[in-house]
Amino acid sequence: MAPLAPGEPVPASDRPGPLLVGIVNITADSFSDGGRYLDAEAAVRHALRLRAQGADIVELGPAASNPDSARVPAEEECARLTPVLERLAAEHIPSSVDSFLPETQRFALSRGVSCLNDIQGFPHPEMYEQLAAAPCRLVVMHSVQRLGPATRVPTDPAEVWDGILEFFTERLTALQAAGVTRDRLVVDPGLGYFLGSNPETSFAVLSGVRLLKERFGLPVMISASRKSFLRSVTGREIADSGPATLAAEIRAALDGADYIRTHDVGALHDALTVLTAVTEQARLLHAR
């Protein structure tokens, strides 16, 4: 992939299938790997490793958003991000920042990130002028909480689906009315505790990638990696959640997900490579 100018959107991958977004949690309390990459050098090494494994984008999370996470002030988020963003820029690696704090988002925009990912779906109209002026992609995520990190609440799958459709209709309309062009928008329905504490809701929403694409005509991001709803049906611990994660991600890819946000880039990259090879041979066989 050719080097990017600051803020230039991520180009399409030169291989079939979704773009792979590798997760780097620069946090002390992420549910899956809290503390492992809080040190800047460790975060950089992991980011480079994910890129080597096939990540199209490296996403940096300076604060956790699980129900047990602590709040991190914007000043600390920016301090955690700075050395890692600088190294990714020097290596011409497309970067994304996952934060719902406007101050952190402004900082990320000033550093020329390729994507901003907001679990609140950009609820602050005072940010819209800056968002409209920036060239980066915006990942508009839905959650039943609407504001703040995830919580533990039981939900009804049908009601959540109605809420997802209503949320995206309203939020996408507002962003476009403020000047954000459609080609910069990506929708993420949210999964896990962002949808509810019961796994049925997440499985129902995961099965609806095609519906989201048809309804809104926009790229869809899916982030199922290591989440508790997968482990609830397998009975595995986080350390053993790789197969369940991969199954969910492959299903999302087959249903047309455009971005898959994952901890295990190498596993997903290789699985998609094999799937592409088999699909191509099947096409040739049926063309005979």
Protein backbone atom coordinates (compact mmCIF):
# COMPACT_ATOMS: atom_id res chain seq x y z
CA MET A 1 0.00 0.00 0.00
CA ALA A 2 1.43 3.39 -0.98
CA PRO A 3 2.29 5.96 1.71
CA LEU A 4 -0.53 8.26 2.73
CA ALA A 5 -0.49 12.01 3.04
CA PRO A 6 -1.64 13.28 6.48
CA GLY A 7 -5.37 12.64 6.85
CA GLU A 8 -5.71 10.89 3.49
CA PRO A 9 -8.47 8.27 3.61
CA VAL A 10 -7.48 4.61 3.53
CA PRO A 11 -7.51 3.27 -0.03
CA ALA A 12 -9.21 0.03 -0.96
CA SER A 13 -7.23 -3.08 -0.19
CA ASP A 14 -5.38 -4.75 -3.04
CA ARG A 15 -6.91 -8.08 -1.99
CA PRO A 16 -10.58 -9.15 -1.95
CA GLY A 17 -12.66 -8.93 1.17
CA PRO A 18 -12.94 -6.50 4.05
CA LEU A 19 -10.28 -4.11 5.25
CA LEU A 20 -8.67 -5.38 8.44
CA VAL A 21 -8.45 -3.01 11.40
CA GLY A 22 -5.89 -4.16 13.97
CA ILE A 23 -6.61 -3.20 17.58
CA VAL A 24 -3.95 -1.71 19.85
CA ASN A 25 -5.29 -0.98 23.32
CA ILE A 26 -3.06 1.61 25.01
CA THR A 27 -4.86 1.04 28.27
CA ALA A 28 -4.58 -0.47 31.72
CA ASP A 29 -8.01 -2.10 31.80
CA SER A 30 -9.13 -3.33 28.38
CA PHE A 31 -11.11 -6.54 28.82
CA SER A 32 -8.87 -8.58 26.52
CA ASP A 33 -5.33 -7.33 27.02
CA GLY A 34 -5.37 -4.52 29.59
CA GLY A 35 -1.89 -3.29 30.47
CA ARG A 36 0.02 -5.21 27.80
CA TYR A 37 0.45 -2.22 25.51
CA LEU A 38 0.18 0.71 27.91
CA ASP A 39 3.89 1.31 27.46
CA ALA A 40 4.47 3.30 24.26
CA GLU A 41 7.24 1.04 22.97
CA ALA A 42 5.14 -2.06 23.55
CA ALA A 43 2.22 -0.42 21.73
CA VAL A 44 4.43 0.51 18.78
CA ARG A 45 5.87 -3.00 18.54
CA HIS A 46 2.38 -4.48 18.58
CA ALA A 47 1.14 -2.01 15.96
CA LEU A 48 4.02 -2.92 13.65
CA ARG A 49 3.37 -6.61 14.25
CA LEU A 50 -0.31 -6.22 13.31
CA ARG A 51 0.66 -4.33 10.17
CA ALA A 52 3.08 -7.11 9.21
CA GLN A 53 0.30 -9.66 9.74
CA GLY A 54 -1.93 -7.86 7.25
CA ALA A 55 -3.68 -4.97 9.00
CA ASP A 56 -4.81 -2.30 6.55
CA ILE A 57 -5.38 0.13 9.42
CA VAL A 58 -4.05 0.18 12.98
CA GLU A 59 -6.56 1.48 15.50
CA LEU A 60 -5.33 2.96 18.76
CA GLY A 61 -7.58 2.95 21.80
CA PRO A 62 -6.32 5.25 24.58
CA ALA A 63 -9.11 4.27 26.99
CA ALA A 64 -11.17 1.15 27.57
CA SER A 65 -14.94 1.19 27.14
CA ASN A 66 -16.04 -2.05 28.82
CA PRO A 67 -18.45 -1.90 31.78
CA ASP A 68 -15.63 -2.16 34.33
CA SER A 69 -13.31 0.40 32.77
CA ALA A 70 -12.10 3.59 34.42
CA ARG A 71 -12.58 6.97 32.81
CA VAL A 72 -9.44 8.51 31.32
CA PRO A 73 -9.16 12.30 30.87
CA ALA A 74 -8.50 13.63 27.38
CA GLU A 75 -5.07 14.91 28.37
CA GLU A 76 -3.99 11.39 29.32
CA GLU A 77 -5.56 9.90 26.18
CA CYS A 78 -3.55 12.30 24.02
CA ALA A 79 -0.35 11.58 25.94
CA ARG A 80 -0.83 7.85 25.35
CA LEU A 81 -1.52 8.38 21.66
CA THR A 82 1.28 10.81 20.78
CA PRO A 83 4.36 8.54 20.54
CA VAL A 84 2.45 5.76 18.80
CA LEU A 85 0.81 8.04 16.23
CA GLU A 86 4.20 9.61 15.52
CA ARG A 87 5.76 6.22 14.81
CA LEU A 88 2.87 5.05 12.63
CA ALA A 89 3.06 8.29 10.64
CA ALA A 90 6.81 7.80 10.17
CA GLU A 91 6.13 4.29 8.87
CA HIS A 92 3.28 5.52 6.61
CA ILE A 93 0.82 3.19 8.35
CA PRO A 94 -2.85 4.29 8.22
CA SER A 95 -4.08 4.95 11.74
CA SER A 96 -7.42 5.18 13.47
CA VAL A 97 -8.20 6.58 16.92
CA ASP A 98 -11.00 5.11 19.04
CA SER A 99 -12.23 7.81 21.43
CA PHE A 100 -15.52 9.52 22.21
CA LEU A 101 -13.91 12.57 23.84
CA PRO A 102 -14.11 15.67 21.60
CA GLU A 103 -10.75 16.94 22.84
CA THR A 104 -9.06 13.68 21.87
CA GLN A 105 -10.83 13.67 18.52
CA ARG A 106 -9.56 17.18 17.78
CA PHE A 107 -6.05 16.06 18.69
CA ALA A 108 -6.33 13.03 16.42
CA LEU A 109 -7.54 15.18 13.54
CA SER A 110 -4.55 17.47 14.03
CA ARG A 111 -2.27 14.42 13.73
CA GLY A 112 -3.74 13.41 10.37
CA VAL A 113 -5.37 10.12 11.29
CA SER A 114 -7.09 8.16 8.55
CA CYS A 115 -10.12 7.26 10.70
CA LEU A 116 -11.95 8.37 13.82
CA ASN A 117 -14.03 5.75 15.62
CA ASP A 118 -16.62 7.03 18.11
CA ILE A 119 -18.59 4.50 20.18
CA GLN A 120 -21.15 7.28 20.79
CA GLY A 121 -21.55 7.89 17.06
CA PHE A 122 -20.45 11.56 17.12
CA PRO A 123 -23.21 13.06 19.27
CA HIS A 124 -21.66 16.53 19.68
CA PRO A 125 -22.92 19.05 17.07
CA GLU A 126 -20.20 21.50 18.10
CA MET A 127 -17.70 19.06 16.52
CA TYR A 128 -19.48 18.79 13.19
CA GLU A 129 -17.80 21.73 11.48
CA GLN A 130 -14.37 20.26 12.23
CA LEU A 131 -15.47 16.79 11.25
CA ALA A 132 -16.84 18.08 7.95
CA ALA A 133 -13.57 19.87 7.18
CA ALA A 134 -11.40 16.82 7.84
CA PRO A 135 -10.62 14.21 5.15
CA CYS A 136 -10.63 11.12 7.39
CA ARG A 137 -13.25 8.38 7.58
CA LEU A 138 -15.73 8.50 10.47
CA VAL A 139 -16.89 5.25 12.05
CA VAL A 140 -20.33 6.01 13.46
CA MET A 141 -21.05 3.36 16.08
CA HIS A 142 -24.40 2.55 17.65
CA SER A 143 -24.85 1.52 21.26
CA VAL A 144 -27.89 1.10 23.45
CA GLN A 145 -26.16 3.34 26.01
CA ARG A 146 -25.94 6.19 23.47
CA LEU A 147 -23.46 8.07 25.71
CA GLY A 148 -20.46 6.80 27.64
CA PRO A 149 -18.93 3.32 27.84
CA ALA A 150 -20.80 0.03 27.77
CA THR A 151 -23.03 -1.10 30.64
CA ARG A 152 -24.70 -4.36 31.60
CA VAL A 153 -28.36 -4.18 30.60
CA PRO A 154 -30.62 -6.93 29.20
CA THR A 155 -32.18 -6.07 25.85
CA ASP A 156 -34.72 -7.40 23.38
CA PRO A 157 -33.24 -8.15 19.92
CA ALA A 158 -36.24 -6.76 18.01
CA GLU A 159 -36.26 -3.53 19.99
CA VAL A 160 -32.52 -3.09 19.53
CA TRP A 161 -32.85 -3.54 15.77
CA ASP A 162 -35.49 -0.84 15.66
CA GLY A 163 -33.21 1.37 17.74
CA ILE A 164 -30.25 0.77 15.43
CA LEU A 165 -32.21 1.78 12.34
CA GLU A 166 -33.61 4.86 14.05
CA PHE A 167 -30.22 5.88 15.43
CA PHE A 168 -28.40 5.67 12.11
CA THR A 169 -31.19 7.42 10.25
CA GLU A 170 -31.03 10.38 12.61
CA ARG A 171 -27.27 10.56 13.16
CA LEU A 172 -26.24 10.09 9.52
CA THR A 173 -28.75 12.74 8.45
CA ALA A 174 -27.32 15.19 10.99
CA LEU A 175 -23.71 14.57 9.97
CA GLN A 176 -24.46 14.92 6.26
CA ALA A 177 -26.49 18.07 6.86
CA ALA A 178 -23.39 19.50 8.56
CA GLY A 179 -21.27 18.81 5.48
CA VAL A 180 -19.81 15.35 6.11
CA THR A 181 -19.87 13.58 2.76
CA ARG A 182 -21.27 10.06 2.47
CA ASP A 183 -18.02 8.65 1.13
CA ARG A 184 -16.42 9.29 4.53
CA LEU A 185 -19.04 7.48 6.64
CA VAL A 186 -18.85 3.94 8.02
CA VAL A 187 -21.52 2.41 10.26
CA ASP A 188 -20.90 0.00 13.12
CA PRO A 189 -23.98 -1.52 14.82
CA GLY A 190 -22.05 -2.31 18.00
CA LEU A 191 -21.82 -5.77 19.57
CA GLY A 192 -21.41 -7.26 23.01
CA TYR A 193 -22.27 -5.04 25.96
CA PHE A 194 -22.86 -2.15 23.56
CA LEU A 195 -26.04 -4.02 22.58
CA GLY A 196 -26.90 -5.67 25.87
CA SER A 197 -25.79 -8.25 28.40
CA ASN A 198 -27.68 -11.13 26.75
CA PRO A 199 -25.90 -12.81 23.81
CA GLU A 200 -29.03 -13.25 21.66
CA THR A 201 -29.10 -9.56 20.76
CA SER A 202 -25.51 -9.56 19.53
CA PHE A 203 -26.04 -12.69 17.44
CA ALA A 204 -29.18 -11.19 15.93
CA VAL A 205 -27.36 -8.00 14.98
CA LEU A 206 -24.30 -9.86 13.70
CA SER A 207 -26.62 -11.71 11.31
CA GLY A 208 -27.89 -8.40 9.90
CA VAL A 209 -24.87 -7.04 8.03
CA ARG A 210 -26.64 -7.30 4.69
CA LEU A 211 -29.67 -5.49 6.08
CA LEU A 212 -27.53 -2.57 7.26
CA LYS A 213 -25.78 -2.31 3.91
CA GLU A 214 -29.05 -2.39 2.01
CA ARG A 215 -30.78 0.08 4.32
CA PHE A 216 -28.08 2.76 4.46
CA GLY A 217 -25.88 2.08 1.43
CA LEU A 218 -22.73 2.63 3.48
CA PRO A 219 -19.72 0.51 4.46
CA VAL A 220 -20.24 -1.57 7.60
CA MET A 221 -17.65 -2.26 10.31
CA ILE A 222 -17.97 -5.30 12.55
CA SER A 223 -16.11 -5.69 15.84
CA ALA A 224 -16.83 -9.07 17.41
CA SER A 225 -13.28 -9.89 18.47
CA ARG A 226 -13.04 -11.74 21.81
CA LYS A 227 -16.36 -10.36 23.03
CA SER A 228 -18.31 -11.99 25.81
CA PHE A 229 -21.37 -12.92 23.72
CA LEU A 230 -19.17 -15.35 21.77
CA ARG A 231 -17.72 -16.86 24.92
CA SER A 232 -21.19 -17.19 26.42
CA VAL A 233 -22.07 -19.94 23.93
CA THR A 234 -18.68 -21.68 23.87
CA GLY A 235 -17.89 -21.54 27.57
CA ARG A 236 -14.29 -20.57 26.79
CA GLU A 237 -12.09 -18.02 28.49
CA ILE A 238 -10.79 -14.93 26.68
CA ALA A 239 -7.45 -16.62 26.00
CA ASP A 240 -9.27 -19.42 24.15
CA SER A 241 -11.74 -17.24 22.23
CA GLY A 242 -9.83 -17.23 18.94
CA PRO A 243 -11.90 -19.87 17.08
CA ALA A 244 -15.21 -18.31 18.13
CA THR A 245 -13.97 -14.88 17.09
CA LEU A 246 -12.79 -16.17 13.72
CA ALA A 247 -16.13 -17.86 13.03
CA ALA A 248 -18.01 -14.61 13.70
CA GLU A 249 -15.57 -12.60 11.58
CA ILE A 250 -15.75 -14.98 8.61
CA ARG A 251 -19.55 -14.88 8.74
CA ALA A 252 -19.40 -11.08 8.73
CA ALA A 253 -17.02 -11.12 5.77
CA LEU A 254 -19.26 -13.50 3.82
CA ASP A 255 -22.21 -11.20 4.50
CA GLY A 256 -20.33 -8.25 3.05
CA ALA A 257 -18.74 -6.45 6.00
CA ASP A 258 -16.38 -3.80 4.65
CA TYR A 259 -14.20 -3.44 7.75
CA ILE A 260 -13.49 -6.01 10.45
CA ARG A 261 -11.90 -4.73 13.64
CA THR A 262 -9.90 -7.50 15.28
CA HIS A 263 -7.22 -8.34 17.81
CA ASP A 264 -5.98 -11.34 15.81
CA VAL A 265 -5.14 -9.89 12.41
CA GLY A 266 -2.93 -12.76 11.32
CA ALA A 267 -5.58 -15.42 11.89
CA LEU A 268 -8.26 -13.47 10.06
CA HIS A 269 -5.94 -12.50 7.20
CA ASP A 270 -4.96 -16.11 6.62
CA ALA A 271 -8.53 -17.38 6.89
CA LEU A 272 -9.72 -14.84 4.34
CA THR A 273 -6.81 -15.71 2.04
CA VAL A 274 -7.81 -19.38 2.06
CA LEU A 275 -11.49 -18.52 1.63
CA THR A 276 -10.62 -16.37 -1.39
CA ALA A 277 -8.54 -19.17 -2.93
CA VAL A 278 -11.35 -21.72 -2.52
CA THR A 279 -13.95 -19.28 -3.85
CA GLU A 280 -11.88 -18.56 -6.94
CA GLN A 281 -11.42 -22.24 -7.72
CA ALA A 282 -15.14 -22.82 -7.23
CA ARG A 283 -15.84 -20.01 -9.70
CA LEU A 284 -13.52 -21.56 -12.27
CA LEU A 285 -15.04 -24.99 -11.77
CA HIS A 286 -18.59 -23.76 -12.29
CA ALA A 287 -17.52 -21.76 -15.34
CA ARG A 288 -16.47 -24.94 -17.18
